């Protein structure tokens, strides 16, 4: 549900906690990566898993045929109903999901699925044959040992590709995700991770082509590496998701600043414990999530850093603990809390550790554009 965009931008009347989105910052983030990837000669296939809102889709996807990545079939179905047709479902496929995949294909959606095992390939081939539909499929490549995928140098890659290419599906190509880039904290290591990701994907595609197996798609991506490529020769597309909102994890990696974080949770101070040096806020893990993604980074941000109502960072303050509906703010790094500066009833903003996790705790975004004096409510897609 989208409100009239010409409403009062003063959010003091909204009940807290709520998820605020700074629309100009979001649009700048989206434009930044699009320009970088296009400048390197590849296509950007944004990941919808962070925004998950049809109201946001036009800013992410300029055309109905624009490529998009999803993490759930619920996202794919919602996008398809809006007329978007070029989708990769970038989670390993299972047989129970195939009827929904078939339904989307029947609607004219070019939906590609992902797999990394012979068992999945056999199920996919059989389903395609039984239903007389050639389901498009990609093989997931493991470029850095982070999660799933096939070793790009293994015999298994050729065997699996031959099984798909010679079967009833449409074999489309290879896909990889540089998940270990989330452990990089300087430009040199980020560039090395990006180069390794490109090399693994391109070498995999070349091995398959040398075996006379066509490869149309060579897909790579993670937000850290997406902002770190020096060359995309041999790559057809780049995927990234959190770059629209950014978060403290991305700031800790070094691909954005605090000012680039477009989403934050607005909360109210609801109590003081001066003896313990605590300020209580009405945003617990139900509003912030319990994600501690910065815990292993050089700068641990607790459950989130805080700004005042204007967005100015409050030095040495963190949300250090969360209960279901309570957050506890404490001073860190030898600092102390000025309780008079944080009176009960005042409002703060919490920068999220992981934008995807924090956004998932909310059914709507409250989208503000102070440059144009506009306010909208964007509805999120929930479920699987």
Protein backbone atom coordinates (compact mmCIF):
# COMPACT_ATOMS: atom_id res chain seq x y z
CA UNK A 1 0.00 0.00 0.00
CA UNK A 2 1.51 3.33 -1.06
CA UNK A 3 0.38 6.56 0.55
CA UNK A 4 0.03 9.91 -1.17
CA UNK A 5 3.66 10.95 -1.60
CA UNK A 6 2.95 14.58 -0.71
CA UNK A 7 2.54 14.16 3.03
CA UNK A 8 4.25 15.70 6.02
CA UNK A 9 7.83 14.45 6.35
CA UNK A 10 7.80 14.90 10.13
CA UNK A 11 7.79 11.35 11.53
CA UNK A 12 7.28 12.38 15.15
CA UNK A 13 3.64 11.29 14.93
CA UNK A 14 4.48 7.71 13.91
CA UNK A 15 4.48 5.00 16.57
CA UNK A 16 7.87 3.47 17.26
CA UNK A 17 9.64 1.28 16.52
CA UNK A 18 9.45 1.54 12.74
CA UNK A 19 11.81 1.09 9.81
CA UNK A 20 12.74 4.37 8.16
CA UNK A 21 14.15 4.46 4.63
CA UNK A 22 15.94 7.56 3.36
CA UNK A 23 14.85 7.54 -0.27
CA UNK A 24 17.56 9.81 -1.74
CA UNK A 25 20.29 7.70 -0.08
CA UNK A 26 18.67 4.50 -1.40
CA UNK A 27 18.52 5.88 -4.93
CA UNK A 28 22.12 7.08 -4.79
CA UNK A 29 23.28 3.64 -3.64
CA UNK A 30 21.38 1.90 -6.44
CA UNK A 31 22.73 4.29 -9.07
CA UNK A 32 26.30 3.95 -7.81
CA UNK A 33 26.56 0.18 -8.33
CA UNK A 34 24.63 0.24 -11.60
CA UNK A 35 27.10 2.74 -13.02
CA UNK A 36 30.11 0.76 -11.79
CA UNK A 37 28.97 -2.57 -13.26
CA UNK A 38 27.81 -1.10 -16.57
CA UNK A 39 31.16 0.68 -16.84
CA UNK A 40 32.88 -2.72 -16.70
CA UNK A 41 30.70 -4.11 -19.49
CA UNK A 42 28.48 -6.52 -17.55
CA UNK A 43 24.82 -6.51 -16.60
CA UNK A 44 23.59 -5.93 -13.08
CA UNK A 45 21.07 -8.47 -11.81
CA UNK A 46 19.96 -6.97 -8.45
CA UNK A 47 19.03 -9.32 -5.64
CA UNK A 48 15.50 -8.65 -4.43
CA UNK A 49 16.05 -10.37 -1.07
CA UNK A 50 16.88 -7.16 0.78
CA UNK A 51 14.21 -4.72 -0.44
CA UNK A 52 11.45 -7.32 -1.01
CA UNK A 53 8.90 -4.65 -1.92
CA UNK A 54 6.99 -4.16 -5.16
CA UNK A 55 6.87 -0.45 -4.34
CA UNK A 56 10.67 -0.44 -4.45
CA UNK A 57 10.92 -2.55 -7.61
CA UNK A 58 10.75 0.32 -10.13
CA UNK A 59 13.82 1.91 -8.52
CA UNK A 60 15.69 -1.39 -8.64
CA UNK A 61 14.44 -2.63 -12.02
CA UNK A 62 14.03 0.00 -14.77
CA UNK A 63 12.12 -2.33 -17.13
CA UNK A 64 9.79 -5.31 -16.72
CA UNK A 65 12.43 -7.35 -18.56
CA UNK A 66 15.25 -6.17 -16.28
CA UNK A 67 17.12 -9.12 -14.73
CA UNK A 68 16.48 -9.79 -11.05
CA UNK A 69 17.56 -12.37 -8.47
CA UNK A 70 15.26 -13.75 -5.78
CA UNK A 71 15.82 -15.84 -2.67
CA UNK A 72 12.24 -17.15 -2.36
CA UNK A 73 9.59 -18.28 -4.81
CA UNK A 74 7.22 -15.91 -3.00
CA UNK A 75 9.35 -13.04 -4.31
CA UNK A 76 9.33 -14.53 -7.81
CA UNK A 77 5.56 -14.94 -7.77
CA UNK A 78 4.98 -11.38 -6.57
CA UNK A 79 7.31 -9.98 -9.23
CA UNK A 80 5.71 -12.14 -11.94
CA UNK A 81 2.26 -10.82 -11.04
CA UNK A 82 3.64 -7.30 -11.64
CA UNK A 83 4.94 -8.34 -15.07
CA UNK A 84 8.64 -8.90 -14.30
CA UNK A 85 9.87 -11.81 -16.38
CA UNK A 86 13.65 -12.30 -16.08
CA UNK A 87 14.31 -14.05 -12.77
CA UNK A 88 16.96 -16.29 -11.20
CA UNK A 89 15.91 -18.22 -8.09
CA UNK A 90 19.34 -18.33 -6.46
CA UNK A 91 18.69 -20.99 -3.82
CA UNK A 92 19.28 -24.68 -4.46
CA UNK A 93 16.15 -26.24 -5.95
CA UNK A 94 14.20 -29.08 -4.35
CA UNK A 95 11.59 -31.28 -5.99
CA UNK A 96 8.68 -29.98 -3.90
CA UNK A 97 9.21 -26.47 -5.33
CA UNK A 98 8.99 -27.56 -8.97
CA UNK A 99 5.19 -27.24 -9.36
CA UNK A 100 5.49 -23.56 -8.43
CA UNK A 101 8.41 -23.17 -10.84
CA UNK A 102 6.30 -24.79 -13.55
CA UNK A 103 3.42 -22.40 -12.85
CA UNK A 104 5.72 -19.39 -13.25
CA UNK A 105 7.12 -20.76 -16.50
CA UNK A 106 3.54 -21.25 -17.72
CA UNK A 107 2.94 -17.54 -17.10
CA UNK A 108 5.75 -16.69 -19.51
CA UNK A 109 8.36 -15.98 -16.84
CA UNK A 110 11.95 -16.83 -17.73
CA UNK A 111 12.73 -18.38 -14.34
CA UNK A 112 16.07 -20.10 -13.89
CA UNK A 113 16.77 -22.45 -10.97
CA UNK A 114 20.01 -23.41 -9.24
CA UNK A 115 21.57 -26.77 -8.31
CA UNK A 116 24.87 -28.34 -7.35
CA UNK A 117 24.23 -32.09 -7.17
CA UNK A 118 23.46 -35.10 -9.34
CA UNK A 119 20.38 -35.82 -7.19
CA UNK A 120 18.89 -32.42 -7.97
CA UNK A 121 19.71 -32.79 -11.66
CA UNK A 122 17.96 -36.16 -11.89
CA UNK A 123 14.84 -34.80 -10.20
CA UNK A 124 14.84 -31.75 -12.46
CA UNK A 125 15.32 -33.81 -15.61
CA UNK A 126 12.52 -36.18 -14.64
CA UNK A 127 10.10 -33.40 -13.78
CA UNK A 128 10.87 -31.57 -17.03
CA UNK A 129 10.31 -34.75 -19.02
CA UNK A 130 7.08 -35.68 -17.23
CA UNK A 131 5.63 -32.20 -17.68
CA UNK A 132 7.10 -31.50 -21.11
CA UNK A 133 8.72 -28.30 -19.96
CA UNK A 134 12.43 -27.58 -20.22
CA UNK A 135 13.19 -25.86 -16.92
CA UNK A 136 16.18 -23.50 -17.23
CA UNK A 137 18.95 -24.40 -14.78
CA UNK A 138 22.32 -23.10 -13.57
CA UNK A 139 25.10 -24.96 -11.77
CA UNK A 140 26.38 -23.34 -8.60
CA UNK A 141 30.17 -23.05 -8.41
CA UNK A 142 32.07 -22.90 -5.12
CA UNK A 143 34.63 -20.13 -5.61
CA UNK A 144 35.86 -19.79 -2.03
CA UNK A 145 34.62 -22.59 0.24
CA UNK A 146 32.00 -20.37 1.83
CA UNK A 147 28.88 -22.49 1.39
CA UNK A 148 27.50 -24.72 -1.38
CA UNK A 149 28.53 -25.32 -4.95
CA UNK A 150 30.84 -27.50 -7.00
CA UNK A 151 34.60 -27.20 -7.20
CA UNK A 152 35.24 -25.40 -10.51
CA UNK A 153 38.19 -27.69 -11.26
CA UNK A 154 36.43 -30.97 -10.49
CA UNK A 155 35.32 -33.72 -12.85
CA UNK A 156 31.94 -33.46 -11.14
CA UNK A 157 31.32 -30.12 -12.86
CA UNK A 158 31.59 -31.66 -16.31
CA UNK A 159 29.53 -34.70 -15.33
CA UNK A 160 26.72 -32.60 -13.91
CA UNK A 161 26.69 -30.21 -16.87
CA UNK A 162 26.57 -33.14 -19.31
CA UNK A 163 23.67 -34.65 -17.36
CA UNK A 164 21.73 -31.40 -17.64
CA UNK A 165 22.71 -30.53 -21.19
CA UNK A 166 21.84 -34.00 -22.42
CA UNK A 167 18.62 -34.18 -20.39
CA UNK A 168 15.23 -32.50 -20.52
CA UNK A 169 16.17 -29.18 -18.92
CA UNK A 170 17.70 -26.07 -20.45
CA UNK A 171 21.24 -25.82 -19.17
CA UNK A 172 21.99 -22.09 -19.00
CA UNK A 173 25.35 -21.70 -17.30
CA UNK A 174 27.17 -21.21 -14.01
CA UNK A 175 26.67 -19.05 -10.92
CA UNK A 176 28.87 -18.33 -7.92
CA UNK A 177 28.76 -16.21 -4.77
CA UNK A 178 31.88 -14.86 -3.07
CA UNK A 179 30.56 -15.22 0.46
CA UNK A 180 34.01 -15.18 2.02
CA UNK A 181 34.35 -11.56 0.91
CA UNK A 182 32.38 -10.72 4.06
CA UNK A 183 35.60 -11.53 5.94
CA UNK A 184 37.63 -8.94 4.01
CA UNK A 185 38.39 -5.62 5.68
CA UNK A 186 40.74 -3.80 3.32
CA UNK A 187 40.84 -2.88 -0.35
CA UNK A 188 43.58 -5.35 -1.21
CA UNK A 189 41.74 -8.40 0.16
CA UNK A 190 38.45 -7.25 -1.37
CA UNK A 191 40.05 -6.96 -4.80
CA UNK A 192 41.67 -10.37 -4.38
CA UNK A 193 38.29 -11.92 -3.49
CA UNK A 194 36.69 -10.23 -6.48
CA UNK A 195 39.43 -11.42 -8.82
CA UNK A 196 39.17 -14.98 -7.47
CA UNK A 197 35.40 -14.96 -7.96
CA UNK A 198 35.72 -13.84 -11.57
CA UNK A 199 38.48 -16.37 -12.27
CA UNK A 200 36.51 -19.30 -10.82
CA UNK A 201 33.37 -18.49 -12.81
CA UNK A 202 35.18 -17.81 -16.10
CA UNK A 203 37.36 -20.92 -15.82
CA UNK A 204 34.29 -23.05 -15.13
CA UNK A 205 32.53 -21.66 -18.19
CA UNK A 206 35.61 -22.21 -20.35
CA UNK A 207 35.93 -25.85 -19.21
CA UNK A 208 32.31 -26.50 -20.16
CA UNK A 209 32.63 -24.80 -23.54
CA UNK A 210 35.75 -26.85 -24.26
CA UNK A 211 33.58 -29.92 -23.70
CA UNK A 212 31.05 -28.57 -26.26
CA UNK A 213 28.52 -27.59 -23.60
CA UNK A 214 27.06 -24.13 -24.32
CA UNK A 215 27.22 -21.58 -21.50
CA UNK A 216 25.03 -18.49 -21.88
CA UNK A 217 25.18 -17.15 -18.32
CA UNK A 218 28.27 -16.59 -16.18
CA UNK A 219 26.86 -15.05 -13.01
CA UNK A 220 28.82 -13.77 -10.02
CA UNK A 221 28.18 -11.48 -7.12
CA UNK A 222 28.18 -10.28 -3.54
CA UNK A 223 27.92 -6.69 -2.40
CA UNK A 224 31.56 -6.52 -1.20
CA UNK A 225 33.00 -7.88 -4.44
CA UNK A 226 30.47 -6.03 -6.61
CA UNK A 227 32.14 -2.79 -5.53
CA UNK A 228 35.65 -4.21 -5.97
CA UNK A 229 35.94 -5.60 -9.53
CA UNK A 230 38.76 -4.42 -11.74
CA UNK A 231 37.73 -6.49 -14.77
CA UNK A 232 34.59 -8.44 -15.69
CA UNK A 233 35.91 -9.97 -18.91
CA UNK A 234 34.03 -13.23 -19.49
CA UNK A 235 31.30 -12.38 -16.97
CA UNK A 236 27.76 -11.79 -18.20
CA UNK A 237 26.14 -10.51 -15.00
CA UNK A 238 26.73 -9.41 -11.41
CA UNK A 239 24.34 -10.01 -8.51
CA UNK A 240 24.16 -7.95 -5.30
CA UNK A 241 21.40 -7.20 -2.81
CA UNK A 242 22.24 -5.27 0.35
CA UNK A 243 23.93 -2.45 -1.59
CA UNK A 244 20.64 -0.55 -1.80
CA UNK A 245 20.29 -0.17 1.96
CA UNK A 246 23.84 -0.96 3.11
CA UNK A 247 24.43 -1.63 6.83
CA UNK A 248 27.06 -1.75 9.55
CA UNK A 249 28.56 -4.99 8.21
CA UNK A 250 29.16 -3.33 4.84
CA UNK A 251 30.57 -0.24 6.56
CA UNK A 252 32.91 -2.50 8.53
CA UNK A 253 34.09 -4.16 5.33
CA UNK A 254 34.74 -0.73 3.85
CA UNK A 255 32.37 -0.59 0.86
CA UNK A 256 30.20 2.18 2.33
CA UNK A 257 30.15 4.80 5.07
CA UNK A 258 27.62 5.29 7.85
CA UNK A 259 26.07 8.07 5.73
CA UNK A 260 25.31 5.53 2.97
CA UNK A 261 23.08 3.42 5.24
CA UNK A 262 19.58 4.10 3.90
CA UNK A 263 17.54 2.04 6.39
CA UNK A 264 17.43 2.45 10.14
CA UNK A 265 15.03 1.70 12.97
CA UNK A 266 13.45 4.70 14.68
CA UNK A 267 12.98 4.07 18.39
CA UNK A 268 11.91 5.93 21.54
CA UNK A 269 13.78 6.23 24.83
CA UNK A 270 11.51 4.56 27.40
CA UNK A 271 13.65 4.44 30.54
CA UNK A 272 16.92 5.05 32.37
CA UNK A 273 18.96 2.97 34.79
CA UNK A 274 21.53 5.49 35.89
CA UNK A 275 23.16 3.12 38.39
CA UNK A 276 24.04 0.67 35.60
CA UNK A 277 24.54 3.33 32.95
CA UNK A 278 21.73 2.06 30.75
CA UNK A 279 19.19 3.73 28.51
CA UNK A 280 16.17 1.64 27.53
CA UNK A 281 14.59 1.91 24.08
CA UNK A 282 11.44 0.32 22.65
CA UNK A 283 13.34 -1.57 19.92
CA UNK A 284 14.36 -5.09 20.91
CA UNK A 285 15.20 -8.04 18.71
CA UNK A 286 11.68 -8.00 17.28
CA UNK A 287 12.54 -4.67 15.66
CA UNK A 288 16.32 -4.88 15.20
CA UNK A 289 16.74 -8.65 14.69
CA UNK A 290 19.28 -10.59 16.73
CA UNK A 291 21.90 -10.48 13.99
CA UNK A 292 25.40 -9.88 15.33
CA UNK A 293 27.14 -9.66 11.99
CA UNK A 294 29.77 -7.18 13.18
CA UNK A 295 30.89 -9.33 16.12
CA UNK A 296 33.80 -10.80 14.16
CA UNK A 297 34.77 -7.52 12.52
CA UNK A 298 37.48 -5.17 13.80
CA UNK A 299 34.73 -2.86 15.12
CA UNK A 300 31.94 -4.68 16.99
CA UNK A 301 28.78 -2.58 16.79
CA UNK A 302 26.72 -4.62 19.24
CA UNK A 303 23.13 -4.80 18.02
CA UNK A 304 23.45 -1.45 16.27
CA UNK A 305 24.92 2.03 16.48
CA UNK A 306 22.80 5.06 17.30
CA UNK A 307 22.15 8.44 15.78
CA UNK A 308 20.04 11.32 16.99
CA UNK A 309 16.79 12.22 15.23
CA UNK A 310 18.71 14.16 12.57
CA UNK A 311 20.92 11.18 11.69
CA UNK A 312 24.09 12.41 13.41
CA UNK A 313 26.07 9.52 14.91
CA UNK A 314 26.19 9.41 18.73
CA UNK A 315 29.80 8.57 19.52
CA UNK A 316 30.56 5.56 21.76
CA UNK A 317 26.92 4.51 22.16
CA UNK A 318 25.64 1.08 21.12
CA UNK A 319 22.65 -1.15 21.59
CA UNK A 320 24.54 -3.69 23.68
CA UNK A 321 21.67 -6.05 24.58
CA UNK A 322 18.17 -6.83 23.31
CA UNK A 323 15.12 -8.52 24.72
CA UNK A 324 11.98 -9.12 22.70
CA UNK A 325 10.70 -5.53 22.89
CA UNK A 326 13.48 -3.79 24.85
CA UNK A 327 16.87 -2.61 23.74
CA UNK A 328 19.59 -1.56 26.16
CA UNK A 329 21.89 1.28 25.15
CA UNK A 330 25.26 1.49 26.81
CA UNK A 331 28.40 3.54 26.46
CA UNK A 332 31.48 1.75 25.08
CA UNK A 333 35.18 2.55 24.62
CA UNK A 334 35.40 4.22 28.00
CA UNK A 335 32.59 6.67 27.30
CA UNK A 336 29.63 7.60 29.46
CA UNK A 337 25.98 8.41 28.88
CA UNK A 338 24.64 11.93 29.23
CA UNK A 339 21.14 11.03 30.41
CA UNK A 340 19.98 14.65 30.11
CA UNK A 341 20.76 14.49 26.37
CA UNK A 342 18.66 11.32 26.03
CA UNK A 343 15.47 12.15 27.95
CA UNK A 344 12.60 9.71 28.19
CA UNK A 345 10.38 10.25 25.17
CA UNK A 346 13.18 11.35 22.86
CA UNK A 347 13.74 9.55 19.59
CA UNK A 348 16.83 7.84 18.28
CA UNK A 349 17.72 5.91 15.16
CA UNK A 350 19.49 2.54 15.16
CA UNK A 351 21.76 1.67 12.25
CA UNK A 352 21.33 -2.05 11.52
CA UNK A 353 24.06 -4.67 11.56
CA UNK A 354 22.46 -6.59 8.70
CA UNK A 355 19.86 -4.73 6.66
CA UNK A 356 18.26 -7.93 5.32
CA UNK A 357 17.70 -9.31 8.81
CA UNK A 358 16.41 -6.04 10.25
CA UNK A 359 14.11 -5.40 7.31
CA UNK A 360 12.63 -8.89 7.70
CA UNK A 361 11.32 -7.89 11.13
CA UNK A 362 9.04 -5.24 9.58
CA UNK A 363 6.00 -5.50 7.31
CA UNK A 364 6.38 -1.96 5.93
CA UNK A 365 8.97 0.67 5.16
CA UNK A 366 8.33 4.30 6.04
CA UNK A 367 10.05 6.03 3.13
CA UNK A 368 11.05 9.67 3.51
CA UNK A 369 12.40 12.09 0.94
CA UNK A 370 13.06 15.39 2.65
CA UNK A 371 14.49 16.84 -0.54
CA UNK A 372 11.07 16.56 -2.17
CA UNK A 373 8.98 16.73 1.02
CA UNK A 374 7.49 13.30 0.39
CA UNK A 375 6.50 10.35 2.54
CA UNK A 376 5.38 6.89 1.41
CA UNK A 377 4.64 3.51 2.96
CA UNK A 378 6.08 0.54 1.07
CA UNK A 379 4.80 -2.95 1.82
CA UNK A 380 7.28 -5.81 2.12
CA UNK A 381 6.78 -9.31 0.70
CA UNK A 382 6.76 -11.76 3.60
CA UNK A 383 6.98 -15.55 3.56
CA UNK A 384 8.42 -18.16 1.25
